[in-house]
Amino acid sequence: MERIKRNDTVRVITGKDAGKAGRVIHVYPKKGTVFVEGVNVATKHKRVQHTRRGAQEGGITHEEMPLPMSNVMPVCPSCDQPTRVGAKVVEGERVRICRKCDAEF
């Protein structure tokens, strides 16, 4: 069972963005990385490209870069604090639970 899933709210616990919170955009479990909205933002410079219609695309863009999963903790929706994730079986299905208040994610 995944500890972090897409659209979860997470808080960064280490690194340059420690303390920031955001929504998970992508999860790559094999690589062990996550993309979090508004966290670990890099500035990219794109060369101006001319299209057939004469339009120009380029300039400076800001985009999220991957973070290691170990650097983020899920935020419990009921107690609104970063918490570890547990699992329990409810009606034959495994569900994620908050370790602090036992609420389901």
N, C-alpha and C. Protein backbone atom coordinates (compact mmCIF):
# COMPACT_ATOMS: atom_id res chain seq x y z
N MET A 1 0.85 -1.18 0.00
CA MET A 1 0.00 0.00 0.00
C MET A 1 0.89 1.24 0.00
N GLU A 2 0.48 2.20 -0.80
CA GLU A 2 1.25 3.44 -0.92
C GLU A 2 1.04 4.31 0.31
N ARG A 3 2.11 4.90 0.75
CA ARG A 3 2.06 5.83 1.88
C ARG A 3 1.56 7.19 1.43
N ILE A 4 1.97 7.58 0.21
CA ILE A 4 1.56 8.87 -0.35
C ILE A 4 0.91 8.61 -1.70
N LYS A 5 -0.23 9.24 -1.93
CA LYS A 5 -0.94 9.10 -3.20
C LYS A 5 -1.16 10.47 -3.82
N ARG A 6 -1.54 10.46 -5.10
CA ARG A 6 -1.82 11.71 -5.80
C ARG A 6 -2.97 12.45 -5.12
N ASN A 7 -2.90 13.77 -5.12
CA ASN A 7 -3.88 14.68 -4.52
C ASN A 7 -3.85 14.70 -3.00
N ASP A 8 -2.92 13.98 -2.36
CA ASP A 8 -2.74 14.10 -0.92
C ASP A 8 -2.09 15.45 -0.61
N THR A 9 -2.36 15.95 0.56
CA THR A 9 -1.65 17.14 1.04
C THR A 9 -0.47 16.66 1.87
N VAL A 10 0.71 17.18 1.54
CA VAL A 10 1.91 16.76 2.25
C VAL A 10 2.67 17.98 2.76
N ARG A 11 3.52 17.78 3.75
CA ARG A 11 4.39 18.83 4.26
C ARG A 11 5.83 18.36 4.12
N VAL A 12 6.71 19.26 3.64
CA VAL A 12 8.11 18.95 3.46
C VAL A 12 8.79 19.03 4.82
N ILE A 13 9.57 17.99 5.18
CA ILE A 13 10.17 17.95 6.51
C ILE A 13 11.67 18.25 6.49
N THR A 14 12.34 18.12 5.33
CA THR A 14 13.76 18.44 5.26
C THR A 14 14.07 19.14 3.95
N GLY A 15 15.24 19.76 3.88
CA GLY A 15 15.67 20.39 2.65
C GLY A 15 15.40 21.88 2.64
N LYS A 16 15.62 22.50 1.49
CA LYS A 16 15.48 23.95 1.38
C LYS A 16 14.05 24.43 1.51
N ASP A 17 13.08 23.56 1.24
CA ASP A 17 11.67 23.94 1.33
C ASP A 17 11.00 23.38 2.58
N ALA A 18 11.77 23.11 3.62
CA ALA A 18 11.22 22.52 4.84
C ALA A 18 10.13 23.42 5.42
N GLY A 19 9.00 22.80 5.80
CA GLY A 19 7.88 23.54 6.37
C GLY A 19 6.80 23.89 5.37
N LYS A 20 7.11 23.84 4.08
CA LYS A 20 6.10 24.16 3.07
C LYS A 20 5.15 22.97 2.90
N ALA A 21 3.93 23.28 2.53
CA ALA A 21 2.92 22.25 2.30
C ALA A 21 2.37 22.42 0.90
N GLY A 22 1.88 21.34 0.32
CA GLY A 22 1.29 21.40 -1.01
C GLY A 22 0.60 20.10 -1.37
N ARG A 23 -0.03 20.12 -2.54
CA ARG A 23 -0.77 18.95 -3.04
C ARG A 23 0.15 18.14 -3.95
N VAL A 24 0.07 16.83 -3.84
CA VAL A 24 0.91 15.95 -4.65
C VAL A 24 0.35 15.90 -6.06
N ILE A 25 1.23 16.16 -7.05
CA ILE A 25 0.83 16.15 -8.45
C ILE A 25 1.08 14.80 -9.08
N HIS A 26 2.30 14.27 -8.90
CA HIS A 26 2.69 12.97 -9.45
C HIS A 26 3.43 12.17 -8.38
N VAL A 27 3.28 10.85 -8.43
CA VAL A 27 4.02 9.95 -7.55
C VAL A 27 4.71 8.91 -8.43
N TYR A 28 6.01 8.74 -8.22
CA TYR A 28 6.78 7.72 -8.93
C TYR A 28 7.36 6.77 -7.89
N PRO A 29 6.63 5.68 -7.54
CA PRO A 29 7.08 4.79 -6.47
C PRO A 29 8.36 4.04 -6.79
N LYS A 30 8.59 3.67 -8.04
CA LYS A 30 9.82 2.95 -8.37
C LYS A 30 11.05 3.83 -8.21
N LYS A 31 10.91 5.11 -8.52
CA LYS A 31 12.01 6.05 -8.33
C LYS A 31 12.05 6.59 -6.91
N GLY A 32 10.93 6.47 -6.19
CA GLY A 32 10.86 6.99 -4.82
C GLY A 32 10.76 8.49 -4.76
N THR A 33 10.09 9.10 -5.75
CA THR A 33 9.99 10.55 -5.80
C THR A 33 8.53 11.00 -5.93
N VAL A 34 8.30 12.25 -5.56
CA VAL A 34 6.98 12.87 -5.70
C VAL A 34 7.16 14.29 -6.23
N PHE A 35 6.16 14.78 -6.94
CA PHE A 35 6.10 16.17 -7.37
C PHE A 35 5.03 16.84 -6.52
N VAL A 36 5.40 17.94 -5.85
CA VAL A 36 4.47 18.66 -4.98
C VAL A 36 4.26 20.06 -5.54
N GLU A 37 3.00 20.47 -5.59
CA GLU A 37 2.63 21.76 -6.16
C GLU A 37 3.23 22.91 -5.35
N GLY A 38 4.01 23.75 -6.02
CA GLY A 38 4.59 24.93 -5.38
C GLY A 38 5.81 24.67 -4.53
N VAL A 39 6.35 23.45 -4.56
CA VAL A 39 7.52 23.10 -3.75
C VAL A 39 8.63 22.63 -4.67
N ASN A 40 9.88 22.98 -4.35
CA ASN A 40 11.06 22.60 -5.13
C ASN A 40 10.92 23.11 -6.57
N VAL A 41 10.62 24.39 -6.69
CA VAL A 41 10.39 25.01 -7.99
C VAL A 41 11.72 25.44 -8.59
N ALA A 42 11.96 25.05 -9.84
CA ALA A 42 13.18 25.41 -10.56
C ALA A 42 12.84 26.40 -11.66
N THR A 43 13.78 27.27 -11.98
CA THR A 43 13.61 28.23 -13.06
C THR A 43 14.25 27.66 -14.31
N LYS A 44 13.49 27.56 -15.37
CA LYS A 44 13.98 27.02 -16.64
C LYS A 44 13.98 28.14 -17.68
N HIS A 45 15.07 28.23 -18.43
CA HIS A 45 15.17 29.20 -19.51
C HIS A 45 14.98 28.45 -20.82
N LYS A 46 13.99 28.86 -21.59
CA LYS A 46 13.68 28.19 -22.84
C LYS A 46 14.03 29.10 -24.00
N ARG A 47 14.73 28.55 -24.97
CA ARG A 47 15.13 29.31 -26.15
C ARG A 47 13.91 29.66 -26.99
N VAL A 48 13.93 30.79 -27.64
CA VAL A 48 12.83 31.22 -28.49
C VAL A 48 12.79 30.33 -29.73
N GLN A 49 11.64 29.75 -29.98
CA GLN A 49 11.43 28.89 -31.15
C GLN A 49 10.44 29.56 -32.07
N HIS A 50 10.74 29.61 -33.35
CA HIS A 50 9.83 30.19 -34.33
C HIS A 50 9.01 29.07 -34.95
N THR A 51 7.70 29.22 -34.92
CA THR A 51 6.83 28.23 -35.53
C THR A 51 6.51 28.65 -36.97
N ARG A 52 5.79 27.82 -37.70
CA ARG A 52 5.46 28.12 -39.10
C ARG A 52 4.58 29.36 -39.23
N ARG A 53 3.77 29.61 -38.22
CA ARG A 53 2.89 30.77 -38.28
C ARG A 53 3.61 32.05 -37.86
N GLY A 54 4.83 31.92 -37.43
CA GLY A 54 5.58 33.10 -37.02
C GLY A 54 5.49 33.38 -35.54
N ALA A 55 4.79 32.52 -34.80
CA ALA A 55 4.68 32.73 -33.36
C ALA A 55 6.01 32.40 -32.69
N GLN A 56 6.26 33.07 -31.59
CA GLN A 56 7.49 32.82 -30.85
C GLN A 56 7.15 32.28 -29.47
N GLU A 57 7.85 31.22 -29.11
CA GLU A 57 7.66 30.65 -27.78
C GLU A 57 9.01 30.61 -27.10
N GLY A 58 9.04 31.01 -25.87
CA GLY A 58 10.29 30.98 -25.12
C GLY A 58 10.16 31.83 -23.89
N GLY A 59 11.27 31.99 -23.19
CA GLY A 59 11.28 32.81 -22.00
C GLY A 59 11.63 32.01 -20.77
N ILE A 60 11.26 32.55 -19.63
CA ILE A 60 11.58 31.93 -18.35
C ILE A 60 10.32 31.27 -17.80
N THR A 61 10.42 30.00 -17.44
CA THR A 61 9.30 29.27 -16.85
C THR A 61 9.72 28.72 -15.50
N HIS A 62 8.74 28.49 -14.66
CA HIS A 62 8.98 27.90 -13.34
C HIS A 62 8.23 26.58 -13.30
N GLU A 63 8.93 25.50 -12.92
CA GLU A 63 8.27 24.20 -12.84
C GLU A 63 8.76 23.43 -11.64
N GLU A 64 7.88 22.56 -11.13
CA GLU A 64 8.22 21.75 -9.97
C GLU A 64 9.18 20.64 -10.36
N MET A 65 10.10 20.34 -9.47
CA MET A 65 11.06 19.26 -9.67
C MET A 65 10.75 18.17 -8.64
N PRO A 66 11.22 16.94 -8.88
CA PRO A 66 10.87 15.85 -7.96
C PRO A 66 11.58 15.98 -6.61
N LEU A 67 10.89 15.49 -5.59
CA LEU A 67 11.43 15.40 -4.23
C LEU A 67 11.47 13.94 -3.83
N PRO A 68 12.44 13.53 -3.02
CA PRO A 68 12.39 12.17 -2.49
C PRO A 68 11.18 11.99 -1.58
N MET A 69 10.55 10.81 -1.64
CA MET A 69 9.38 10.55 -0.80
C MET A 69 9.70 10.64 0.68
N SER A 70 10.95 10.35 1.02
CA SER A 70 11.32 10.38 2.44
C SER A 70 11.38 11.79 2.99
N ASN A 71 11.35 12.80 2.15
CA ASN A 71 11.43 14.19 2.60
C ASN A 71 10.06 14.82 2.84
N VAL A 72 8.98 14.08 2.61
CA VAL A 72 7.64 14.62 2.81
C VAL A 72 6.83 13.71 3.73
N MET A 73 5.89 14.33 4.46
CA MET A 73 4.98 13.57 5.31
C MET A 73 3.55 13.97 4.96
N PRO A 74 2.65 13.00 4.87
CA PRO A 74 1.25 13.32 4.61
C PRO A 74 0.63 14.09 5.77
N VAL A 75 -0.28 14.99 5.43
CA VAL A 75 -0.99 15.77 6.44
C VAL A 75 -2.38 15.16 6.61
N CYS A 76 -2.72 14.84 7.84
CA CYS A 76 -4.03 14.24 8.14
C CYS A 76 -5.13 15.27 7.91
N PRO A 77 -6.18 14.92 7.17
CA PRO A 77 -7.26 15.88 6.92
C PRO A 77 -8.07 16.23 8.16
N SER A 78 -8.13 15.35 9.16
CA SER A 78 -8.96 15.65 10.33
C SER A 78 -8.19 16.40 11.41
N CYS A 79 -6.94 15.99 11.72
CA CYS A 79 -6.19 16.69 12.78
C CYS A 79 -5.25 17.75 12.20
N ASP A 80 -5.11 17.82 10.87
CA ASP A 80 -4.36 18.85 10.16
C ASP A 80 -2.90 18.95 10.62
N GLN A 81 -2.29 17.79 10.88
CA GLN A 81 -0.88 17.74 11.25
C GLN A 81 -0.17 16.67 10.43
N PRO A 82 1.14 16.85 10.17
CA PRO A 82 1.87 15.80 9.48
C PRO A 82 1.93 14.55 10.34
N THR A 83 1.72 13.42 9.73
CA THR A 83 1.63 12.19 10.51
C THR A 83 2.19 11.01 9.73
N ARG A 84 2.52 9.97 10.46
CA ARG A 84 2.87 8.71 9.81
C ARG A 84 1.58 8.02 9.39
N VAL A 85 1.69 7.12 8.44
CA VAL A 85 0.50 6.47 7.89
C VAL A 85 0.50 5.01 8.31
N GLY A 86 -0.65 4.58 8.82
CA GLY A 86 -0.84 3.18 9.15
C GLY A 86 -1.87 2.58 8.22
N ALA A 87 -2.14 1.30 8.40
CA ALA A 87 -3.14 0.63 7.57
C ALA A 87 -3.96 -0.30 8.44
N LYS A 88 -5.24 -0.41 8.11
CA LYS A 88 -6.09 -1.39 8.77
C LYS A 88 -7.14 -1.86 7.78
N VAL A 89 -7.73 -2.99 8.07
CA VAL A 89 -8.72 -3.59 7.18
C VAL A 89 -10.11 -3.19 7.64
N VAL A 90 -10.87 -2.58 6.72
CA VAL A 90 -12.25 -2.19 7.00
C VAL A 90 -13.11 -2.79 5.90
N GLU A 91 -14.00 -3.69 6.27
CA GLU A 91 -14.91 -4.36 5.33
C GLU A 91 -14.16 -5.02 4.18
N GLY A 92 -13.07 -5.67 4.49
CA GLY A 92 -12.32 -6.42 3.48
C GLY A 92 -11.36 -5.58 2.65
N GLU A 93 -11.27 -4.29 2.89
CA GLU A 93 -10.36 -3.42 2.13
C GLU A 93 -9.37 -2.78 3.08
N ARG A 94 -8.12 -2.66 2.61
CA ARG A 94 -7.11 -1.96 3.40
C ARG A 94 -7.27 -0.47 3.20
N VAL A 95 -7.30 0.28 4.29
CA VAL A 95 -7.41 1.73 4.22
C VAL A 95 -6.24 2.36 4.97
N ARG A 96 -5.84 3.55 4.56
CA ARG A 96 -4.78 4.27 5.24
C ARG A 96 -5.37 5.03 6.42
N ILE A 97 -4.67 5.02 7.54
CA ILE A 97 -5.15 5.72 8.72
C ILE A 97 -4.05 6.62 9.27
N CYS A 98 -4.47 7.65 9.98
CA CYS A 98 -3.57 8.56 10.67
C CYS A 98 -3.10 7.89 11.95
N ARG A 99 -1.79 7.93 12.21
CA ARG A 99 -1.26 7.33 13.43
C ARG A 99 -1.54 8.16 14.68
N LYS A 100 -1.89 9.43 14.50
CA LYS A 100 -2.13 10.30 15.65
C LYS A 100 -3.59 10.22 16.13
N CYS A 101 -4.54 10.25 15.15
CA CYS A 101 -5.95 10.31 15.55
C CYS A 101 -6.78 9.15 15.02
N ASP A 102 -6.18 8.19 14.33
CA ASP A 102 -6.85 7.00 13.77
C ASP A 102 -7.95 7.32 12.76
N ALA A 103 -7.90 8.50 12.15
CA ALA A 103 -8.87 8.85 11.11
C ALA A 103 -8.41 8.27 9.78
N GLU A 104 -9.36 7.97 8.89
CA GLU A 104 -9.04 7.44 7.58
C GLU A 104 -8.65 8.56 6.62
N PHE A 105 -7.73 8.22 5.71
CA PHE A 105 -7.33 9.19 4.68
C PHE A 105 -8.29 9.09 3.52
